[in-house]
Amino acid sequence: MSTGGGTCPRCGARVEPGQEYCLECGLRLPGGGLAGAVGSTWQRRVGRSVPTSIWSILALLVVAAAITGVAILISTGGDDQSAAVGVATGPASISNPTTAPATTETTASSATETTAPATTQAPPPRPQIADWPPSQDGYTIVIASMPTTGGRAVAIRKANEALAAKLPEVGVLDSGEFSSLHPGYYVVFSGIYPDQRGALNGIGRVQALYPAAYIRQISH
């Protein structure tokens, strides 16, 4: 059919020049579309001596070349766009945020208190059995006189008993060493006084525990 327009061979509807399909029945029109237009133009220039099949082949080649060109343009444009995006963004990099380590402040919630240790008073020293001072004369209060034949240990036990009662200056002397006493006795005494008055002041305390106690002069 001529590309100059006409009617559809199936339904007789009006077709425009270069129209490929009938708009009424959908029939593919001979010589329509891009291939038909190229074939018609070439046929007018060269003449009708060329067979119709050659025109069809040439039209197909033109269409294929056009499609190839469009594909090349699309692929080239996509590469350029990718390159532009790559240049703009640069290589992907992940930067870890720098976080300063948390500073733990050690606060002394309680100050070290220096507590003085509790002072424990040592018990007073236990009174010891006293000895009569050498070469000293004076007065004392006799608690008990015990024969030396019974041993000094008996006199020491009596003296410790008087010490437990907290009598002052409790001691044991051997009567044989003093001229004012009868020999053969261990004398348990309390107090060493320079005179009789001092002994009189202390005898009441001793007689409260030992009623038989008495004052005696001690001389060498």
C-alpha atoms as a PDB file:
ATOM      1  CA  MET A   1       0.000   0.000   0.000  1.00  0.00           C
ATOM      2  CA  SER A   2       1.250   3.463  -0.722  1.00  0.00           C
ATOM      3  CA  THR A   3       2.754   5.499   2.150  1.00  0.00           C
ATOM      4  CA  GLY A   4       0.794   8.455   0.986  1.00  0.00           C
ATOM      5  CA  GLY A   5      -2.206   7.267   3.074  1.00  0.00           C
ATOM      6  CA  GLY A   6      -5.351   5.444   2.013  1.00  0.00           C
ATOM      7  CA  THR A   7      -7.670   2.929   3.550  1.00  0.00           C
ATOM      8  CA  CYS A   8      -7.245  -0.235   5.588  1.00  0.00           C
ATOM      9  CA  PRO A   9      -7.440  -3.348   3.332  1.00  0.00           C
ATOM     10  CA  ARG A  10      -9.419  -5.149   6.091  1.00  0.00           C
ATOM     11  CA  CYS A  11     -11.957  -2.698   7.419  1.00  0.00           C
ATOM     12  CA  GLY A  12     -11.621   0.180   4.925  1.00  0.00           C
ATOM     13  CA  ALA A  13     -10.841   2.737   7.641  1.00  0.00           C
ATOM     14  CA  ARG A  14      -8.790   5.856   6.758  1.00  0.00           C
ATOM     15  CA  VAL A  15      -5.037   5.538   7.451  1.00  0.00           C
ATOM     16  CA  GLU A  16      -2.417   8.303   7.534  1.00  0.00           C
ATOM     17  CA  PRO A  17       0.866   8.249   5.646  1.00  0.00           C
ATOM     18  CA  GLY A  18       3.471   6.113   7.532  1.00  0.00           C
ATOM     19  CA  GLN A  19       0.809   4.625   9.863  1.00  0.00           C
ATOM     20  CA  GLU A  20       1.887   1.104  10.929  1.00  0.00           C
ATOM     21  CA  TYR A  21      -1.373  -0.260  12.380  1.00  0.00           C
ATOM     22  CA  CYS A  22      -5.025   0.344  11.629  1.00  0.00           C
ATOM     23  CA  LEU A  23      -6.611   2.243  14.455  1.00  0.00           C
ATOM     24  CA  GLU A  24      -9.961   0.492  13.944  1.00  0.00           C
ATOM     25  CA  CYS A  25      -9.147  -3.190  13.522  1.00  0.00           C
ATOM     26  CA  GLY A  26      -5.446  -3.315  14.511  1.00  0.00           C
ATOM     27  CA  LEU A  27      -4.210  -4.743  11.225  1.00  0.00           C
ATOM     28  CA  ARG A  28      -0.486  -4.220  10.556  1.00  0.00           C
ATOM     29  CA  LEU A  29      -0.448  -2.062   7.448  1.00  0.00           C
ATOM     30  CA  PRO A  30       1.994  -2.895   4.675  1.00  0.00           C
ATOM     31  CA  GLY A  31       4.740  -0.266   4.314  1.00  0.00           C
ATOM     32  CA  GLY A  32       3.826   1.481   7.578  1.00  0.00           C
ATOM     33  CA  GLY A  33       6.100   2.686  10.377  1.00  0.00           C
ATOM     34  CA  LEU A  34       9.766   3.651  10.246  1.00  0.00           C
ATOM     35  CA  ALA A  35      10.753   0.775   7.968  1.00  0.00           C
ATOM     36  CA  GLY A  36       7.991   1.607   5.510  1.00  0.00           C
ATOM     37  CA  ALA A  37       8.910   5.277   5.441  1.00  0.00           C
ATOM     38  CA  VAL A  38      12.585   4.516   4.832  1.00  0.00           C
ATOM     39  CA  GLY A  39      11.682   1.946   2.193  1.00  0.00           C
ATOM     40  CA  SER A  40       9.395   4.372   0.410  1.00  0.00           C
ATOM     41  CA  THR A  41      11.971   7.122   0.395  1.00  0.00           C
ATOM     42  CA  TRP A  42      14.704   4.806  -0.876  1.00  0.00           C
ATOM     43  CA  GLN A  43      12.354   3.418  -3.516  1.00  0.00           C
ATOM     44  CA  ARG A  44      11.568   6.856  -4.822  1.00  0.00           C
ATOM     45  CA  ARG A  45      15.298   7.702  -5.108  1.00  0.00           C
ATOM     46  CA  VAL A  46      16.593   4.476  -6.544  1.00  0.00           C
ATOM     47  CA  GLY A  47      13.606   3.409  -8.522  1.00  0.00           C
ATOM     48  CA  ARG A  48      11.281   0.504  -8.663  1.00  0.00           C
ATOM     49  CA  SER A  49      13.948  -1.804 -10.105  1.00  0.00           C
ATOM     50  CA  VAL A  50      15.001  -2.936  -6.620  1.00  0.00           C
ATOM     51  CA  PRO A  51      12.920  -5.860  -5.310  1.00  0.00           C
ATOM     52  CA  THR A  52      10.585  -5.316  -2.402  1.00  0.00           C
ATOM     53  CA  SER A  53      12.467  -7.897  -0.216  1.00  0.00           C
ATOM     54  CA  ILE A  54      15.646  -5.812  -0.348  1.00  0.00           C
ATOM     55  CA  TRP A  55      13.723  -2.832   0.931  1.00  0.00           C
ATOM     56  CA  SER A  56      12.476  -4.884   3.824  1.00  0.00           C
ATOM     57  CA  ILE A  57      16.019  -6.004   4.688  1.00  0.00           C
ATOM     58  CA  LEU A  58      17.354  -2.472   4.538  1.00  0.00           C
ATOM     59  CA  ALA A  59      14.546  -1.239   6.742  1.00  0.00           C
ATOM     60  CA  LEU A  60      15.316  -3.915   9.328  1.00  0.00           C
ATOM     61  CA  LEU A  61      19.016  -2.957   9.299  1.00  0.00           C
ATOM     62  CA  VAL A  62      18.153   0.692   9.870  1.00  0.00           C
ATOM     63  CA  VAL A  63      15.881  -0.207  12.770  1.00  0.00           C
ATOM     64  CA  ALA A  64      18.571  -2.448  14.324  1.00  0.00           C
ATOM     65  CA  ALA A  65      21.196   0.296  13.972  1.00  0.00           C
ATOM     66  CA  ALA A  66      18.883   2.783  15.621  1.00  0.00           C
ATOM     67  CA  ILE A  67      18.178   0.433  18.533  1.00  0.00           C
ATOM     68  CA  THR A  68      21.909  -0.267  18.951  1.00  0.00           C
ATOM     69  CA  GLY A  69      22.678   3.452  19.012  1.00  0.00           C
ATOM     70  CA  VAL A  70      20.052   4.094  21.627  1.00  0.00           C
ATOM     71  CA  ALA A  71      21.428   1.262  23.773  1.00  0.00           C
ATOM     72  CA  ILE A  72      24.964   2.654  23.492  1.00  0.00           C
ATOM     73  CA  LEU A  73      23.769   6.111  24.492  1.00  0.00           C
ATOM     74  CA  ILE A  74      21.913   4.694  27.511  1.00  0.00           C
ATOM     75  CA  SER A  75      24.873   2.613  28.662  1.00  0.00           C
ATOM     76  CA  THR A  76      27.299   5.507  28.207  1.00  0.00           C
ATOM     77  CA  GLY A  77      25.056   7.872  30.097  1.00  0.00           C
ATOM     78  CA  GLY A  78      24.687   5.379  32.948  1.00  0.00           C
ATOM     79  CA  ASP A  79      28.481   5.006  33.284  1.00  0.00           C
ATOM     80  CA  ASP A  80      28.964   8.776  33.303  1.00  0.00           C
ATOM     81  CA  GLN A  81      26.305   9.147  35.961  1.00  0.00           C
ATOM     82  CA  SER A  82      27.863   6.411  38.079  1.00  0.00           C
ATOM     83  CA  ALA A  83      31.268   8.028  37.704  1.00  0.00           C
ATOM     84  CA  ALA A  84      29.833  11.397  38.703  1.00  0.00           C
ATOM     85  CA  VAL A  85      28.210   9.887  41.741  1.00  0.00           C
ATOM     86  CA  GLY A  86      31.469   8.141  42.652  1.00  0.00           C
ATOM     87  CA  VAL A  87      33.445  11.362  42.368  1.00  0.00           C
ATOM     88  CA  ALA A  88      30.909  13.327  44.367  1.00  0.00           C
ATOM     89  CA  THR A  89      30.635  10.865  47.201  1.00  0.00           C
ATOM     90  CA  GLY A  90      34.149   9.452  47.280  1.00  0.00           C
ATOM     91  CA  PRO A  91      34.993   6.007  48.634  1.00  0.00           C
ATOM     92  CA  ALA A  92      32.673   4.737  51.266  1.00  0.00           C
ATOM     93  CA  SER A  93      34.227   5.117  54.644  1.00  0.00           C
ATOM     94  CA  ILE A  94      32.914   4.498  58.099  1.00  0.00           C
ATOM     95  CA  SER A  95      34.318   6.693  60.779  1.00  0.00           C
ATOM     96  CA  ASN A  96      33.916   5.486  64.290  1.00  0.00           C
ATOM     97  CA  PRO A  97      32.849   8.308  66.589  1.00  0.00           C
ATOM     98  CA  THR A  98      35.516   9.180  69.041  1.00  0.00           C
ATOM     99  CA  THR A  99      34.072   8.811  72.474  1.00  0.00           C
ATOM    100  CA  ALA A 100      36.106  10.042  75.356  1.00  0.00           C
ATOM    101  CA  PRO A 101      36.352   7.357  78.014  1.00  0.00           C
ATOM    102  CA  ALA A 102      34.187   8.058  80.948  1.00  0.00           C
ATOM    103  CA  THR A 103      36.209   9.365  83.807  1.00  0.00           C
ATOM    104  CA  THR A 104      35.366   7.634  86.981  1.00  0.00           C
ATOM    105  CA  GLU A 105      35.891   9.985  89.822  1.00  0.00           C
ATOM    106  CA  THR A 106      36.658   8.152  92.940  1.00  0.00           C
ATOM    107  CA  THR A 107      35.103  10.142  95.677  1.00  0.00           C
ATOM    108  CA  ALA A 108      36.163   9.258  99.127  1.00  0.00           C
ATOM    109  CA  SER A 109      32.703   8.802 100.577  1.00  0.00           C
ATOM    110  CA  SER A 110      34.124   8.425 104.024  1.00  0.00           C
ATOM    111  CA  ALA A 111      37.319   9.978 105.223  1.00  0.00           C
ATOM    112  CA  THR A 112      39.709   7.758 107.023  1.00  0.00           C
ATOM    113  CA  GLU A 113      39.085   8.446 110.585  1.00  0.00           C
ATOM    114  CA  THR A 114      42.005   8.030 112.874  1.00  0.00           C
ATOM    115  CA  THR A 115      40.493   6.610 115.955  1.00  0.00           C
ATOM    116  CA  ALA A 116      42.703   6.448 118.931  1.00  0.00           C
ATOM    117  CA  PRO A 117      42.640   2.967 120.328  1.00  0.00           C
ATOM    118  CA  ALA A 118      40.776   2.689 123.527  1.00  0.00           C
ATOM    119  CA  THR A 119      43.216   3.124 126.333  1.00  0.00           C
ATOM    120  CA  THR A 120      43.061   0.133 128.538  1.00  0.00           C
ATOM    121  CA  GLN A 121      44.438   0.941 131.883  1.00  0.00           C
ATOM    122  CA  ALA A 122      46.747  -1.706 133.094  1.00  0.00           C
ATOM    123  CA  PRO A 123      45.745  -3.034 136.423  1.00  0.00           C
ATOM    124  CA  PRO A 124      47.860  -1.688 139.236  1.00  0.00           C
ATOM    125  CA  PRO A 125      50.770  -3.887 140.092  1.00  0.00           C
ATOM    126  CA  ARG A 126      49.957  -6.512 142.614  1.00  0.00           C
ATOM    127  CA  PRO A 127      51.372  -5.600 145.982  1.00  0.00           C
ATOM    128  CA  GLN A 128      54.421  -7.595 146.895  1.00  0.00           C
ATOM    129  CA  ILE A 129      55.449  -8.870 150.285  1.00  0.00           C
ATOM    130  CA  ALA A 130      57.682  -6.215 151.819  1.00  0.00           C
ATOM    131  CA  ASP A 131      60.998  -6.672 153.561  1.00  0.00           C
ATOM    132  CA  TRP A 132      61.924  -4.651 156.592  1.00  0.00           C
ATOM    133  CA  PRO A 133      64.492  -2.042 155.512  1.00  0.00           C
ATOM    134  CA  PRO A 134      68.046  -2.963 156.566  1.00  0.00           C
ATOM    135  CA  SER A 135      69.513  -1.022 159.476  1.00  0.00           C
ATOM    136  CA  GLN A 136      66.202   0.846 160.069  1.00  0.00           C
ATOM    137  CA  ASP A 137      64.485   0.986 163.423  1.00  0.00           C
ATOM    138  CA  GLY A 138      60.847   1.883 163.867  1.00  0.00           C
ATOM    139  CA  TYR A 139      57.383   0.633 164.729  1.00  0.00           C
ATOM    140  CA  THR A 140      54.977  -1.774 163.072  1.00  0.00           C
ATOM    141  CA  ILE A 141      51.668  -3.539 163.648  1.00  0.00           C
ATOM    142  CA  VAL A 142      52.056  -7.264 164.201  1.00  0.00           C
ATOM    143  CA  ILE A 143      49.307  -9.346 162.558  1.00  0.00           C
ATOM    144  CA  ALA A 144      50.579 -12.833 163.486  1.00  0.00           C
ATOM    145  CA  SER A 145      53.709 -14.567 164.895  1.00  0.00           C
ATOM    146  CA  MET A 146      54.396 -18.143 163.687  1.00  0.00           C
ATOM    147  CA  PRO A 147      57.133 -20.503 164.857  1.00  0.00           C
ATOM    148  CA  THR A 148      59.941 -20.932 162.366  1.00  0.00           C
ATOM    149  CA  THR A 149      59.575 -24.695 162.779  1.00  0.00           C
ATOM    150  CA  GLY A 150      56.354 -24.550 160.758  1.00  0.00           C
ATOM    151  CA  GLY A 151      58.200 -23.105 157.753  1.00  0.00           C
ATOM    152  CA  ARG A 152      58.231 -19.698 156.058  1.00  0.00           C
ATOM    153  CA  ALA A 153      55.514 -20.787 153.605  1.00  0.00           C
ATOM    154  CA  VAL A 154      52.854 -20.620 156.300  1.00  0.00           C
ATOM    155  CA  ALA A 155      53.822 -17.009 157.077  1.00  0.00           C
ATOM    156  CA  ILE A 156      53.827 -16.113 153.358  1.00  0.00           C
ATOM    157  CA  ARG A 157      50.262 -17.397 152.956  1.00  0.00           C
ATOM    158  CA  LYS A 158      49.134 -15.253 155.876  1.00  0.00           C
ATOM    159  CA  ALA A 159      50.885 -12.221 154.391  1.00  0.00           C
ATOM    160  CA  ASN A 160      49.182 -12.748 150.991  1.00  0.00           C
ATOM    161  CA  GLU A 161      45.864 -12.897 152.791  1.00  0.00           C
ATOM    162  CA  ALA A 162      46.557  -9.506 154.358  1.00  0.00           C
ATOM    163  CA  LEU A 163      47.655  -8.129 150.961  1.00  0.00           C
ATOM    164  CA  ALA A 164      44.345  -9.268 149.414  1.00  0.00           C
ATOM    165  CA  ALA A 165      42.614  -7.267 152.135  1.00  0.00           C
ATOM    166  CA  LYS A 166      44.601  -4.225 150.881  1.00  0.00           C
ATOM    167  CA  LEU A 167      46.458  -3.572 154.103  1.00  0.00           C
ATOM    168  CA  PRO A 168      49.547  -1.358 153.612  1.00  0.00           C
ATOM    169  CA  GLU A 169      53.139  -2.580 153.589  1.00  0.00           C
ATOM    170  CA  VAL A 170      52.511  -6.192 154.528  1.00  0.00           C
ATOM    171  CA  GLY A 171      55.690  -8.180 155.073  1.00  0.00           C
ATOM    172  CA  VAL A 172      57.383 -11.102 156.836  1.00  0.00           C
ATOM    173  CA  LEU A 173      60.483 -10.801 159.052  1.00  0.00           C
ATOM    174  CA  ASP A 174      62.581 -13.288 161.005  1.00  0.00           C
ATOM    175  CA  SER A 175      62.474 -12.306 164.682  1.00  0.00           C
ATOM    176  CA  GLY A 176      65.935 -13.726 165.266  1.00  0.00           C
ATOM    177  CA  GLU A 177      67.439 -10.853 163.264  1.00  0.00           C
ATOM    178  CA  PHE A 178      66.086  -8.134 165.595  1.00  0.00           C
ATOM    179  CA  SER A 179      67.119  -7.531 169.195  1.00  0.00           C
ATOM    180  CA  SER A 180      63.661  -6.221 170.194  1.00  0.00           C
ATOM    181  CA  LEU A 181      61.942  -9.531 169.316  1.00  0.00           C
ATOM    182  CA  HIS A 182      62.074 -13.090 170.685  1.00  0.00           C
ATOM    183  CA  PRO A 183      63.921 -15.374 168.258  1.00  0.00           C
ATOM    184  CA  GLY A 184      62.296 -18.418 166.614  1.00  0.00           C
ATOM    185  CA  TYR A 185      59.315 -16.702 164.951  1.00  0.00           C
ATOM    186  CA  TYR A 186      58.211 -15.454 161.539  1.00  0.00           C
ATOM    187  CA  VAL A 187      56.400 -12.199 162.155  1.00  0.00           C
ATOM    188  CA  VAL A 188      53.703 -11.042 159.693  1.00  0.00           C
ATOM    189  CA  PHE A 189      53.416  -7.256 159.947  1.00  0.00           C
ATOM    190  CA  SER A 190      51.658  -4.245 158.335  1.00  0.00           C
ATOM    191  CA  GLY A 191      53.240  -0.817 158.091  1.00  0.00           C
ATOM    192  CA  ILE A 192      56.725   0.553 158.576  1.00  0.00           C
ATOM    193  CA  TYR A 193      56.480   3.642 160.803  1.00  0.00           C
ATOM    194  CA  PRO A 194      59.320   5.843 162.042  1.00  0.00           C
ATOM    195  CA  ASP A 195      57.572   6.421 165.383  1.00  0.00           C
ATOM    196  CA  GLN A 196      54.807   5.046 167.610  1.00  0.00           C
ATOM    197  CA  ARG A 197      52.370   7.824 166.677  1.00  0.00           C
ATOM    198  CA  GLY A 198      52.286   6.655 163.060  1.00  0.00           C
ATOM    199  CA  ALA A 199      51.570   3.099 164.160  1.00  0.00           C
ATOM    200  CA  LEU A 200      48.705   4.293 166.375  1.00  0.00           C
ATOM    201  CA  ASN A 201      47.118   6.008 163.390  1.00  0.00           C
ATOM    202  CA  GLY A 202      47.159   2.781 161.334  1.00  0.00           C
ATOM    203  CA  ILE A 203      46.224   0.162 163.888  1.00  0.00           C
ATOM    204  CA  GLY A 204      42.488   0.732 163.687  1.00  0.00           C
ATOM    205  CA  ARG A 205      42.356  -0.418 160.048  1.00  0.00           C
ATOM    206  CA  VAL A 206      44.380  -3.547 160.804  1.00  0.00           C
ATOM    207  CA  GLN A 207      42.377  -4.474 163.930  1.00  0.00           C
ATOM    208  CA  ALA A 208      39.166  -4.240 161.893  1.00  0.00           C
ATOM    209  CA  LEU A 209      40.359  -7.380 160.103  1.00  0.00           C
ATOM    210  CA  TYR A 210      42.637  -8.880 162.716  1.00  0.00           C
ATOM    211  CA  PRO A 211      41.410  -7.896 166.233  1.00  0.00           C
ATOM    212  CA  ALA A 212      44.489  -9.471 167.906  1.00  0.00           C
ATOM    213  CA  ALA A 213      46.916  -7.186 166.071  1.00  0.00           C
ATOM    214  CA  TYR A 214      49.201  -5.022 168.207  1.00  0.00           C
ATOM    215  CA  ILE A 215      51.968  -2.397 167.924  1.00  0.00           C
ATOM    216  CA  ARG A 216      55.578  -3.520 168.275  1.00  0.00           C
ATOM    217  CA  GLN A 217      58.908  -1.729 168.206  1.00  0.00           C
ATOM    218  CA  ILE A 218      61.408  -3.063 165.715  1.00  0.00           C
ATOM    219  CA  SER A 219      65.091  -2.431 166.300  1.00  0.00           C
ATOM    220  CA  HIS A 220      68.303  -4.164 165.318  1.00  0.00           C
END
